[in-house]
Amino acid sequence: MIDPKRIEKELNSIRHCWSYEDKDQCPPSLQEALNKKLSHIEPSSWEDRFLLGGVYINGVRILQNTPLLPPVRIEYFEPKYNYQSIESHFPSFKQNYIIYEDQYIVAVFKPAKLPSTPSREQATVNLKSFLEKHLKTKIHMPSRLDNASQGLILVSKSPQTHALLQKIFEKRKLEKYYILEIPTSISWEHLSVKTKITYDPRHPVLRKTSQEIGKTAITQFSLLFQQSLISERKEVSTSVLQAQIFTGRTHQLRVHAQHIGASIIGDNFYDGLPSEELRLLSYRAKFIHPIFETQMDIRVPFSLLPPWIHQGNFFIS
């Protein structure tokens, strides 16, 4: 069962949304509309909040006060954290997060709870911004990870390389592997799942499987090993799985894990067993280098593996 409280707890912001259809009722400026509707927010803080990047008019991000002309829809994603010390809320970037680098591409580790790219609520702190500052160049991401997920992401250093890397993703010439943990013992060694994935009307962030509508999603699960953990003073048998995805749908692994009867541990969106973190790791990528045309096999090093993977038991050929 989906728990709305767990979903909202995982989100970093509170979404406010309202519209003005009548010119007589619409304030002349965005600033006045925000002050009137969100009176609990200090009016003098809006200049900084605009720059943070959580204010929208008709779906377009707005970075400063502007006149309003109805019909108009206003959205504000109010941070749950102190917006003035945003850096302390998100994980920081570390040098050892660079797993592989050449003059064309980079393989980087994204820690859990750090956005891959600018998010709806803020455009300041994210992996893309950290990388561009570190590399001193613009980068491009053909794929991203969920905010709660962690692990390997591939990026390119130029538009030309990005186009080539994007084709590798689009033509499914990249083998991408994840590791996840579910709170049950399983009897099978391999399991293939093919479903359609579509929006779940119960909440805007959720997806669900469907037999009729949506985009096809294919995942191959394999058992790596089984272990146990203590949850609510009870010992729970768990299975650590490898998952190879053949499509890149939103929340694909989280939805497919729920589909096979065991949501990923720590998954607050899909009613997973409670845990401090989502036990899902983007672990490995195999592909032909877009420039060098050599076989690449990049993996998250042991030093960056999360604690829930028992390194003494962990091996993948």
C-alpha atoms as a PDB file:
ATOM      1  CA  MET A   1       0.000   0.000   0.000  1.00  0.00           C
ATOM      2  CA  ILE A   2       1.273   3.461  -0.919  1.00  0.00           C
ATOM      3  CA  ASP A   3       1.845   5.685   2.127  1.00  0.00           C
ATOM      4  CA  PRO A   4       1.469   9.402   1.213  1.00  0.00           C
ATOM      5  CA  LYS A   5       3.339  10.423   4.377  1.00  0.00           C
ATOM      6  CA  ARG A   6       6.421   8.435   3.347  1.00  0.00           C
ATOM      7  CA  ILE A   7       6.314   9.947  -0.131  1.00  0.00           C
ATOM      8  CA  GLU A   8       6.075  13.508   1.162  1.00  0.00           C
ATOM      9  CA  LYS A   9       8.827  12.849   3.715  1.00  0.00           C
ATOM     10  CA  GLU A  10      11.252  11.906   0.948  1.00  0.00           C
ATOM     11  CA  LEU A  11      10.500  14.998  -1.132  1.00  0.00           C
ATOM     12  CA  ASN A  12      12.732  18.011  -0.495  1.00  0.00           C
ATOM     13  CA  SER A  13      10.023  20.608  -1.048  1.00  0.00           C
ATOM     14  CA  ILE A  14       6.370  21.501  -0.530  1.00  0.00           C
ATOM     15  CA  ARG A  15       4.571  22.297  -3.781  1.00  0.00           C
ATOM     16  CA  HIS A  16       2.255  25.332  -3.821  1.00  0.00           C
ATOM     17  CA  CYS A  17       0.173  25.884  -6.947  1.00  0.00           C
ATOM     18  CA  TRP A  18      -2.631  28.309  -7.776  1.00  0.00           C
ATOM     19  CA  SER A  19      -4.091  30.169 -10.750  1.00  0.00           C
ATOM     20  CA  TYR A  20      -5.610  33.513 -11.683  1.00  0.00           C
ATOM     21  CA  GLU A  21      -8.143  33.571 -14.512  1.00  0.00           C
ATOM     22  CA  ASP A  22      -9.713  36.988 -13.868  1.00  0.00           C
ATOM     23  CA  LYS A  23      -7.714  40.195 -14.361  1.00  0.00           C
ATOM     24  CA  ASP A  24      -9.614  41.927 -11.556  1.00  0.00           C
ATOM     25  CA  GLN A  25      -8.439  39.321  -9.014  1.00  0.00           C
ATOM     26  CA  CYS A  26      -4.889  38.879 -10.321  1.00  0.00           C
ATOM     27  CA  PRO A  27      -2.149  40.899  -8.525  1.00  0.00           C
ATOM     28  CA  PRO A  28      -0.123  43.111 -10.871  1.00  0.00           C
ATOM     29  CA  SER A  29       3.183  41.353 -10.133  1.00  0.00           C
ATOM     30  CA  LEU A  30       4.501  37.915  -9.209  1.00  0.00           C
ATOM     31  CA  GLN A  31       6.043  39.289  -6.015  1.00  0.00           C
ATOM     32  CA  GLU A  32       2.670  40.589  -4.815  1.00  0.00           C
ATOM     33  CA  ALA A  33       0.980  37.283  -5.665  1.00  0.00           C
ATOM     34  CA  LEU A  34       3.588  35.348  -3.693  1.00  0.00           C
ATOM     35  CA  ASN A  35       3.357  37.685  -0.705  1.00  0.00           C
ATOM     36  CA  LYS A  36      -0.431  37.375  -0.663  1.00  0.00           C
ATOM     37  CA  LYS A  37      -0.677  33.620  -1.115  1.00  0.00           C
ATOM     38  CA  LEU A  38       2.371  32.572   0.941  1.00  0.00           C
ATOM     39  CA  SER A  39       2.187  35.051   3.808  1.00  0.00           C
ATOM     40  CA  HIS A  40       4.246  32.767   6.084  1.00  0.00           C
ATOM     41  CA  ILE A  41       7.333  33.472   3.928  1.00  0.00           C
ATOM     42  CA  GLU A  42       9.351  36.602   4.666  1.00  0.00           C
ATOM     43  CA  PRO A  43       8.803  39.015   1.711  1.00  0.00           C
ATOM     44  CA  SER A  44      12.437  40.139   1.709  1.00  0.00           C
ATOM     45  CA  SER A  45      13.583  36.558   1.039  1.00  0.00           C
ATOM     46  CA  TRP A  46      12.035  36.268  -2.417  1.00  0.00           C
ATOM     47  CA  GLU A  47      14.998  37.715  -4.296  1.00  0.00           C
ATOM     48  CA  ASP A  48      17.199  34.886  -3.008  1.00  0.00           C
ATOM     49  CA  ARG A  49      14.439  32.318  -3.470  1.00  0.00           C
ATOM     50  CA  PHE A  50      14.053  33.344  -7.125  1.00  0.00           C
ATOM     51  CA  LEU A  51      17.761  32.751  -7.704  1.00  0.00           C
ATOM     52  CA  LEU A  52      17.549  29.358  -6.011  1.00  0.00           C
ATOM     53  CA  GLY A  53      15.127  28.365  -8.729  1.00  0.00           C
ATOM     54  CA  GLY A  54      11.803  27.073  -7.394  1.00  0.00           C
ATOM     55  CA  VAL A  55       9.307  29.597  -8.807  1.00  0.00           C
ATOM     56  CA  TYR A  56       7.358  28.957 -12.033  1.00  0.00           C
ATOM     57  CA  ILE A  57       4.797  30.777 -14.170  1.00  0.00           C
ATOM     58  CA  ASN A  58       2.882  28.509 -16.544  1.00  0.00           C
ATOM     59  CA  GLY A  59       5.616  25.891 -16.150  1.00  0.00           C
ATOM     60  CA  VAL A  60       8.517  28.265 -16.913  1.00  0.00           C
ATOM     61  CA  ARG A  61      11.159  28.874 -14.249  1.00  0.00           C
ATOM     62  CA  ILE A  62      11.210  32.523 -13.154  1.00  0.00           C
ATOM     63  CA  LEU A  63      14.364  34.066 -11.661  1.00  0.00           C
ATOM     64  CA  GLN A  64      13.055  37.520 -10.740  1.00  0.00           C
ATOM     65  CA  ASN A  65       9.884  39.483 -10.085  1.00  0.00           C
ATOM     66  CA  THR A  66       7.762  39.995 -13.191  1.00  0.00           C
ATOM     67  CA  PRO A  67       4.337  41.446 -14.154  1.00  0.00           C
ATOM     68  CA  LEU A  68       1.380  39.043 -14.266  1.00  0.00           C
ATOM     69  CA  LEU A  69      -1.135  38.792 -17.083  1.00  0.00           C
ATOM     70  CA  PRO A  70      -3.969  36.272 -16.572  1.00  0.00           C
ATOM     71  CA  PRO A  71      -4.746  33.537 -17.240  1.00  0.00           C
ATOM     72  CA  VAL A  72      -1.691  32.508 -15.258  1.00  0.00           C
ATOM     73  CA  ARG A  73      -0.635  29.525 -13.126  1.00  0.00           C
ATOM     74  CA  ILE A  74       1.953  30.016 -10.378  1.00  0.00           C
ATOM     75  CA  GLU A  75       3.981  27.248  -8.739  1.00  0.00           C
ATOM     76  CA  TYR A  76       6.445  27.439  -5.909  1.00  0.00           C
ATOM     77  CA  PHE A  77       8.436  24.504  -4.570  1.00  0.00           C
ATOM     78  CA  GLU A  78       9.175  25.638  -1.032  1.00  0.00           C
ATOM     79  CA  PRO A  79      12.325  23.958   0.347  1.00  0.00           C
ATOM     80  CA  LYS A  80      11.861  22.020   3.574  1.00  0.00           C
ATOM     81  CA  TYR A  81      15.460  22.888   4.491  1.00  0.00           C
ATOM     82  CA  ASN A  82      17.071  26.259   5.186  1.00  0.00           C
ATOM     83  CA  TYR A  83      17.489  27.714   1.711  1.00  0.00           C
ATOM     84  CA  GLN A  84      20.261  30.005   2.985  1.00  0.00           C
ATOM     85  CA  SER A  85      22.486  27.032   3.854  1.00  0.00           C
ATOM     86  CA  ILE A  86      21.514  24.725   1.017  1.00  0.00           C
ATOM     87  CA  GLU A  87      25.009  23.242   0.679  1.00  0.00           C
ATOM     88  CA  SER A  88      24.758  21.667   4.128  1.00  0.00           C
ATOM     89  CA  HIS A  89      21.553  19.828   3.192  1.00  0.00           C
ATOM     90  CA  PHE A  90      22.958  17.881   0.224  1.00  0.00           C
ATOM     91  CA  PRO A  91      26.019  15.614  -0.070  1.00  0.00           C
ATOM     92  CA  SER A  92      29.168  17.373  -1.238  1.00  0.00           C
ATOM     93  CA  PHE A  93      31.339  16.349  -4.187  1.00  0.00           C
ATOM     94  CA  LYS A  94      34.526  14.381  -3.524  1.00  0.00           C
ATOM     95  CA  GLN A  95      37.561  13.834  -5.727  1.00  0.00           C
ATOM     96  CA  ASN A  96      37.294  10.042  -5.545  1.00  0.00           C
ATOM     97  CA  TYR A  97      33.818  10.197  -7.108  1.00  0.00           C
ATOM     98  CA  ILE A  98      35.577  10.387 -10.501  1.00  0.00           C
ATOM     99  CA  ILE A  99      35.780   6.712 -11.449  1.00  0.00           C
ATOM    100  CA  TYR A 100      37.062   7.128 -15.017  1.00  0.00           C
ATOM    101  CA  GLU A 101      38.047  10.145 -17.099  1.00  0.00           C
ATOM    102  CA  ASP A 102      39.560  10.864 -20.502  1.00  0.00           C
ATOM    103  CA  GLN A 103      39.356  13.897 -22.784  1.00  0.00           C
ATOM    104  CA  TYR A 104      35.883  12.896 -24.019  1.00  0.00           C
ATOM    105  CA  ILE A 105      33.872  11.161 -21.292  1.00  0.00           C
ATOM    106  CA  VAL A 106      33.706  10.845 -17.513  1.00  0.00           C
ATOM    107  CA  ALA A 107      32.244   8.119 -15.313  1.00  0.00           C
ATOM    108  CA  VAL A 108      31.251   9.590 -11.965  1.00  0.00           C
ATOM    109  CA  PHE A 109      29.720   8.314  -8.732  1.00  0.00           C
ATOM    110  CA  LYS A 110      26.545  10.078  -7.589  1.00  0.00           C
ATOM    111  CA  PRO A 111      25.888   9.815  -3.849  1.00  0.00           C
ATOM    112  CA  ALA A 112      22.372   9.166  -2.607  1.00  0.00           C
ATOM    113  CA  LYS A 113      20.157  12.242  -2.082  1.00  0.00           C
ATOM    114  CA  LEU A 114      22.165  14.470  -4.428  1.00  0.00           C
ATOM    115  CA  PRO A 115      20.156  15.518  -7.534  1.00  0.00           C
ATOM    116  CA  SER A 116      21.763  14.522 -10.841  1.00  0.00           C
ATOM    117  CA  THR A 117      20.794  17.811 -12.507  1.00  0.00           C
ATOM    118  CA  PRO A 118      18.992  21.024 -11.520  1.00  0.00           C
ATOM    119  CA  SER A 119      15.694  20.038  -9.899  1.00  0.00           C
ATOM    120  CA  ARG A 120      12.284  21.689  -9.802  1.00  0.00           C
ATOM    121  CA  GLU A 121      12.919  23.216  -6.394  1.00  0.00           C
ATOM    122  CA  GLN A 122      16.480  24.424  -6.848  1.00  0.00           C
ATOM    123  CA  ALA A 123      19.041  24.779  -9.625  1.00  0.00           C
ATOM    124  CA  THR A 124      22.097  25.377  -7.463  1.00  0.00           C
ATOM    125  CA  VAL A 125      23.299  22.124  -5.862  1.00  0.00           C
ATOM    126  CA  ASN A 126      23.475  19.053  -8.090  1.00  0.00           C
ATOM    127  CA  LEU A 127      25.991  16.615  -9.558  1.00  0.00           C
ATOM    128  CA  LYS A 128      26.069  18.385 -12.923  1.00  0.00           C
ATOM    129  CA  SER A 129      27.002  21.716 -11.323  1.00  0.00           C
ATOM    130  CA  PHE A 130      29.668  20.080  -9.150  1.00  0.00           C
ATOM    131  CA  LEU A 131      31.195  18.336 -12.175  1.00  0.00           C
ATOM    132  CA  GLU A 132      31.238  21.437 -14.353  1.00  0.00           C
ATOM    133  CA  LYS A 133      33.026  23.351 -11.624  1.00  0.00           C
ATOM    134  CA  HIS A 134      35.492  20.509 -11.057  1.00  0.00           C
ATOM    135  CA  LEU A 135      36.186  19.877 -14.767  1.00  0.00           C
ATOM    136  CA  LYS A 136      35.984  23.552 -15.753  1.00  0.00           C
ATOM    137  CA  THR A 137      33.810  22.731 -18.762  1.00  0.00           C
ATOM    138  CA  LYS A 138      30.173  22.134 -19.670  1.00  0.00           C
ATOM    139  CA  ILE A 139      29.043  18.519 -19.476  1.00  0.00           C
ATOM    140  CA  HIS A 140      26.129  16.544 -20.890  1.00  0.00           C
ATOM    141  CA  MET A 141      24.240  13.654 -19.289  1.00  0.00           C
ATOM    142  CA  PRO A 142      22.483  11.113 -21.543  1.00  0.00           C
ATOM    143  CA  SER A 143      20.874   9.538 -18.473  1.00  0.00           C
ATOM    144  CA  ARG A 144      20.345  10.355 -14.803  1.00  0.00           C
ATOM    145  CA  LEU A 145      19.625   8.631 -11.496  1.00  0.00           C
ATOM    146  CA  ASP A 146      16.722   9.195  -9.118  1.00  0.00           C
ATOM    147  CA  ASN A 147      17.480  11.569  -6.275  1.00  0.00           C
ATOM    148  CA  ALA A 148      17.446   8.697  -3.721  1.00  0.00           C
ATOM    149  CA  SER A 149      19.577   6.370  -5.871  1.00  0.00           C
ATOM    150  CA  GLN A 150      23.353   6.249  -5.964  1.00  0.00           C
ATOM    151  CA  GLY A 151      26.074   5.000  -8.245  1.00  0.00           C
ATOM    152  CA  LEU A 152      27.600   5.266 -11.695  1.00  0.00           C
ATOM    153  CA  ILE A 153      26.625   7.962 -14.210  1.00  0.00           C
ATOM    154  CA  LEU A 154      28.257   8.537 -17.614  1.00  0.00           C
ATOM    155  CA  VAL A 155      28.738  12.079 -18.917  1.00  0.00           C
ATOM    156  CA  SER A 156      30.351  13.641 -21.982  1.00  0.00           C
ATOM    157  CA  LYS A 157      32.565  16.711 -22.136  1.00  0.00           C
ATOM    158  CA  SER A 158      31.361  18.187 -25.444  1.00  0.00           C
ATOM    159  CA  PRO A 159      28.195  18.409 -27.558  1.00  0.00           C
ATOM    160  CA  GLN A 160      29.866  16.282 -30.253  1.00  0.00           C
ATOM    161  CA  THR A 161      30.718  13.483 -27.840  1.00  0.00           C
ATOM    162  CA  HIS A 162      27.294  13.814 -26.240  1.00  0.00           C
ATOM    163  CA  ALA A 163      25.591  13.093 -29.562  1.00  0.00           C
ATOM    164  CA  LEU A 164      27.645   9.910 -29.992  1.00  0.00           C
ATOM    165  CA  LEU A 165      27.115   8.781 -26.401  1.00  0.00           C
ATOM    166  CA  GLN A 166      23.406   9.529 -26.681  1.00  0.00           C
ATOM    167  CA  LYS A 167      23.181   7.218 -29.703  1.00  0.00           C
ATOM    168  CA  ILE A 168      24.758   4.406 -27.670  1.00  0.00           C
ATOM    169  CA  PHE A 169      21.964   4.793 -25.117  1.00  0.00           C
ATOM    170  CA  GLU A 170      19.198   5.184 -27.697  1.00  0.00           C
ATOM    171  CA  LYS A 171      20.289   2.126 -29.696  1.00  0.00           C
ATOM    172  CA  ARG A 172      20.632   0.103 -26.468  1.00  0.00           C
ATOM    173  CA  LYS A 173      24.295  -0.635 -27.121  1.00  0.00           C
ATOM    174  CA  LEU A 174      25.144   0.010 -23.476  1.00  0.00           C
ATOM    175  CA  GLU A 175      24.863  -2.764 -20.903  1.00  0.00           C
ATOM    176  CA  LYS A 176      23.875  -1.196 -17.581  1.00  0.00           C
ATOM    177  CA  TYR A 177      23.758  -3.137 -14.323  1.00  0.00           C
ATOM    178  CA  TYR A 178      22.336  -2.263 -10.914  1.00  0.00           C
ATOM    179  CA  ILE A 179      22.473  -3.919  -7.503  1.00  0.00           C
ATOM    180  CA  LEU A 180      19.477  -3.847  -5.183  1.00  0.00           C
ATOM    181  CA  GLU A 181      18.268  -5.517  -2.016  1.00  0.00           C
ATOM    182  CA  ILE A 182      14.750  -6.821  -1.372  1.00  0.00           C
ATOM    183  CA  PRO A 183      13.372  -8.072   1.981  1.00  0.00           C
ATOM    184  CA  THR A 184      12.640 -11.671   1.034  1.00  0.00           C
ATOM    185  CA  SER A 185      14.345 -14.958   0.200  1.00  0.00           C
ATOM    186  CA  ILE A 186      13.864 -16.063  -3.381  1.00  0.00           C
ATOM    187  CA  SER A 187      14.084 -19.508  -4.948  1.00  0.00           C
ATOM    188  CA  TRP A 188      14.948 -18.445  -8.495  1.00  0.00           C
ATOM    189  CA  GLU A 189      18.378 -17.501  -9.868  1.00  0.00           C
ATOM    190  CA  HIS A 190      17.203 -15.468 -12.868  1.00  0.00           C
ATOM    191  CA  LEU A 191      13.940 -13.696 -13.638  1.00  0.00           C
ATOM    192  CA  SER A 192      12.992 -11.583 -16.653  1.00  0.00           C
ATOM    193  CA  VAL A 193      10.301  -8.907 -16.310  1.00  0.00           C
ATOM    194  CA  LYS A 194       8.636  -7.187 -19.267  1.00  0.00           C
ATOM    195  CA  THR A 195       5.768  -4.781 -18.623  1.00  0.00           C
ATOM    196  CA  LYS A 196       4.486  -1.377 -19.642  1.00  0.00           C
ATOM    197  CA  ILE A 197       5.112   1.479 -17.196  1.00  0.00           C
ATOM    198  CA  THR A 198       2.830   4.498 -16.937  1.00  0.00           C
ATOM    199  CA  TYR A 199       1.852   7.268 -14.516  1.00  0.00           C
ATOM    200  CA  ASP A 200       0.189   6.302 -11.236  1.00  0.00           C
ATOM    201  CA  PRO A 201      -2.784   8.612 -10.521  1.00  0.00           C
ATOM    202  CA  ARG A 202      -2.272   8.255  -6.754  1.00  0.00           C
ATOM    203  CA  HIS A 203       0.664  10.692  -6.761  1.00  0.00           C
ATOM    204  CA  PRO A 204       2.486  12.750  -9.454  1.00  0.00           C
ATOM    205  CA  VAL A 205       5.916  11.207  -8.703  1.00  0.00           C
ATOM    206  CA  LEU A 206       4.751   7.593  -8.879  1.00  0.00           C
ATOM    207  CA  ARG A 207       4.725   5.137 -11.778  1.00  0.00           C
ATOM    208  CA  LYS A 208       3.020   1.749 -12.102  1.00  0.00           C
ATOM    209  CA  THR A 209       2.908  -1.289 -14.375  1.00  0.00           C
ATOM    210  CA  SER A 210       0.102  -1.597 -16.886  1.00  0.00           C
ATOM    211  CA  GLN A 211      -1.045  -4.185 -19.402  1.00  0.00           C
ATOM    212  CA  GLU A 212      -2.575  -1.633 -21.754  1.00  0.00           C
ATOM    213  CA  ILE A 213      -0.883   1.794 -21.654  1.00  0.00           C
ATOM    214  CA  GLY A 214       2.596   3.170 -21.117  1.00  0.00           C
ATOM    215  CA  LYS A 215       6.080   2.423 -22.460  1.00  0.00           C
ATOM    216  CA  THR A 216       7.567  -1.068 -22.515  1.00  0.00           C
ATOM    217  CA  ALA A 217      10.178  -1.738 -19.835  1.00  0.00           C
ATOM    218  CA  ILE A 218      12.453  -4.813 -19.671  1.00  0.00           C
ATOM    219  CA  THR A 219      14.561  -5.900 -16.681  1.00  0.00           C
ATOM    220  CA  GLN A 220      16.595  -9.046 -16.080  1.00  0.00           C
ATOM    221  CA  PHE A 221      17.048  -9.913 -12.389  1.00  0.00           C
ATOM    222  CA  SER A 222      19.746 -12.304 -11.112  1.00  0.00           C
ATOM    223  CA  LEU A 223      20.417 -13.464  -7.561  1.00  0.00           C
ATOM    224  CA  LEU A 224      23.854 -12.492  -6.222  1.00  0.00           C
ATOM    225  CA  PHE A 225      23.584 -13.649  -2.608  1.00  0.00           C
ATOM    226  CA  GLN A 226      21.275 -13.760   0.386  1.00  0.00           C
ATOM    227  CA  GLN A 227      21.803 -12.293   3.842  1.00  0.00           C
ATOM    228  CA  SER A 228      19.794 -10.939   6.760  1.00  0.00           C
ATOM    229  CA  LEU A 229      19.211  -7.683   8.582  1.00  0.00           C
ATOM    230  CA  ILE A 230      17.490  -6.545  11.777  1.00  0.00           C
ATOM    231  CA  SER A 231      14.327  -4.513  11.185  1.00  0.00           C
ATOM    232  CA  GLU A 232      12.064  -3.413  14.037  1.00  0.00           C
ATOM    233  CA  ARG A 233      13.877  -5.902  16.325  1.00  0.00           C
ATOM    234  CA  LYS A 234      13.199  -8.765  13.944  1.00  0.00           C
ATOM    235  CA  GLU A 235      15.634 -10.610  11.718  1.00  0.00           C
ATOM    236  CA  VAL A 236      14.632 -10.333   8.066  1.00  0.00           C
ATOM    237  CA  SER A 237      16.009 -12.539   5.303  1.00  0.00           C
ATOM    238  CA  THR A 238      16.978 -10.488   2.260  1.00  0.00           C
ATOM    239  CA  SER A 239      18.155 -11.100  -1.292  1.00  0.00           C
ATOM    240  CA  VAL A 240      20.771  -8.967  -3.033  1.00  0.00           C
ATOM    241  CA  LEU A 241      20.079  -8.931  -6.756  1.00  0.00           C
ATOM    242  CA  GLN A 242      21.780  -7.775  -9.893  1.00  0.00           C
ATOM    243  CA  ALA A 243      19.447  -6.099 -12.390  1.00  0.00           C
ATOM    244  CA  GLN A 244      20.262  -5.428 -16.008  1.00  0.00           C
ATOM    245  CA  ILE A 245      17.932  -2.928 -17.628  1.00  0.00           C
ATOM    246  CA  PHE A 246      17.235  -2.988 -21.376  1.00  0.00           C
ATOM    247  CA  THR A 247      15.115   0.167 -21.297  1.00  0.00           C
ATOM    248  CA  GLY A 248      15.392   3.390 -19.296  1.00  0.00           C
ATOM    249  CA  ARG A 249      11.957   4.181 -17.895  1.00  0.00           C
ATOM    250  CA  THR A 250      11.369   6.442 -14.895  1.00  0.00           C
ATOM    251  CA  HIS A 251      11.526   4.382 -11.657  1.00  0.00           C
ATOM    252  CA  GLN A 252      11.837   1.214 -13.766  1.00  0.00           C
ATOM    253  CA  LEU A 253      13.715  -0.889 -11.205  1.00  0.00           C
ATOM    254  CA  ARG A 254      11.656   0.381  -8.294  1.00  0.00           C
ATOM    255  CA  VAL A 255       8.411  -0.428 -10.102  1.00  0.00           C
ATOM    256  CA  HIS A 256       9.600  -3.822 -11.363  1.00  0.00           C
ATOM    257  CA  ALA A 257      10.819  -4.821  -7.903  1.00  0.00           C
ATOM    258  CA  GLN A 258       7.361  -4.004  -6.555  1.00  0.00           C
ATOM    259  CA  HIS A 259       5.847  -5.914  -9.504  1.00  0.00           C
ATOM    260  CA  ILE A 260       7.654  -9.132  -8.518  1.00  0.00           C
ATOM    261  CA  GLY A 261       6.331  -8.781  -4.972  1.00  0.00           C
ATOM    262  CA  ALA A 262       9.188  -7.171  -3.068  1.00  0.00           C
ATOM    263  CA  SER A 263       9.790  -3.416  -3.138  1.00  0.00           C
ATOM    264  CA  ILE A 264      13.412  -2.352  -2.682  1.00  0.00           C
ATOM    265  CA  ILE A 265      14.466  -1.849   0.926  1.00  0.00           C
ATOM    266  CA  GLY A 266      14.290   1.848   1.827  1.00  0.00           C
ATOM    267  CA  ASP A 267      11.958   2.718  -1.055  1.00  0.00           C
ATOM    268  CA  ASN A 268       9.599   5.306   0.429  1.00  0.00           C
ATOM    269  CA  PHE A 269       7.787   5.746  -2.881  1.00  0.00           C
ATOM    270  CA  TYR A 270       6.820   2.105  -3.316  1.00  0.00           C
ATOM    271  CA  ASP A 271       6.330   0.945   0.275  1.00  0.00           C
ATOM    272  CA  GLY A 272       9.702  -0.706   0.717  1.00  0.00           C
ATOM    273  CA  LEU A 273      10.885  -1.954   4.108  1.00  0.00           C
ATOM    274  CA  PRO A 274      11.930   1.189   6.065  1.00  0.00           C
ATOM    275  CA  SER A 275      15.653   1.978   5.954  1.00  0.00           C
ATOM    276  CA  GLU A 276      17.852   5.066   6.138  1.00  0.00           C
ATOM    277  CA  GLU A 277      18.681   4.769   2.429  1.00  0.00           C
ATOM    278  CA  LEU A 278      17.297   3.310  -0.754  1.00  0.00           C
ATOM    279  CA  ARG A 279      19.219   0.083  -1.314  1.00  0.00           C
ATOM    280  CA  LEU A 280      19.688   0.588  -5.030  1.00  0.00           C
ATOM    281  CA  LEU A 281      23.072   1.094  -6.709  1.00  0.00           C
ATOM    282  CA  SER A 282      23.951   1.815 -10.343  1.00  0.00           C
ATOM    283  CA  TYR A 283      26.991  -0.437 -10.420  1.00  0.00           C
ATOM    284  CA  ARG A 284      28.384  -1.199 -13.860  1.00  0.00           C
ATOM    285  CA  ALA A 285      28.378  -0.007 -17.494  1.00  0.00           C
ATOM    286  CA  LYS A 286      29.700  -1.879 -20.542  1.00  0.00           C
ATOM    287  CA  PHE A 287      29.894  -0.137 -23.926  1.00  0.00           C
ATOM    288  CA  ILE A 288      32.111   0.684 -26.894  1.00  0.00           C
ATOM    289  CA  HIS A 289      33.896   4.002 -26.375  1.00  0.00           C
ATOM    290  CA  PRO A 290      32.275   6.565 -28.747  1.00  0.00           C
ATOM    291  CA  ILE A 291      35.664   7.946 -29.882  1.00  0.00           C
ATOM    292  CA  PHE A 292      38.333   5.287 -29.213  1.00  0.00           C
ATOM    293  CA  GLU A 293      36.004   2.396 -30.213  1.00  0.00           C
ATOM    294  CA  THR A 294      37.461   0.245 -27.442  1.00  0.00           C
ATOM    295  CA  GLN A 295      35.472  -1.992 -25.102  1.00  0.00           C
ATOM    296  CA  MET A 296      34.743  -0.208 -21.817  1.00  0.00           C
ATOM    297  CA  ASP A 297      33.729  -1.986 -18.602  1.00  0.00           C
ATOM    298  CA  ILE A 298      33.403   0.538 -15.775  1.00  0.00           C
ATOM    299  CA  ARG A 299      32.352  -0.431 -12.246  1.00  0.00           C
ATOM    300  CA  VAL A 300      31.891   1.335  -8.937  1.00  0.00           C
ATOM    301  CA  PRO A 301      35.051   0.556  -6.919  1.00  0.00           C
ATOM    302  CA  PHE A 302      34.800  -1.311  -3.611  1.00  0.00           C
ATOM    303  CA  SER A 303      35.673   1.872  -1.706  1.00  0.00           C
ATOM    304  CA  LEU A 304      32.387   3.466  -2.847  1.00  0.00           C
ATOM    305  CA  LEU A 305      30.110   0.471  -2.340  1.00  0.00           C
ATOM    306  CA  PRO A 306      27.369   1.168   0.258  1.00  0.00           C
ATOM    307  CA  PRO A 307      27.501  -0.677   3.618  1.00  0.00           C
ATOM    308  CA  TRP A 308      24.526  -2.893   2.806  1.00  0.00           C
ATOM    309  CA  ILE A 309      26.627  -4.740   0.250  1.00  0.00           C
ATOM    310  CA  HIS A 310      28.811  -7.097   2.249  1.00  0.00           C
ATOM    311  CA  GLN A 311      32.029  -6.810   0.338  1.00  0.00           C
ATOM    312  CA  GLY A 312      33.278 -10.185   1.551  1.00  0.00           C
ATOM    313  CA  ASN A 313      30.310 -11.850  -0.141  1.00  0.00           C
ATOM    314  CA  PHE A 314      30.111  -9.589  -3.161  1.00  0.00           C
ATOM    315  CA  PHE A 315      31.482 -10.735  -6.486  1.00  0.00           C
ATOM    316  CA  ILE A 316      30.319 -10.270 -10.040  1.00  0.00           C
ATOM    317  CA  SER A 317      32.137 -11.543 -13.101  1.00  0.00           C
END
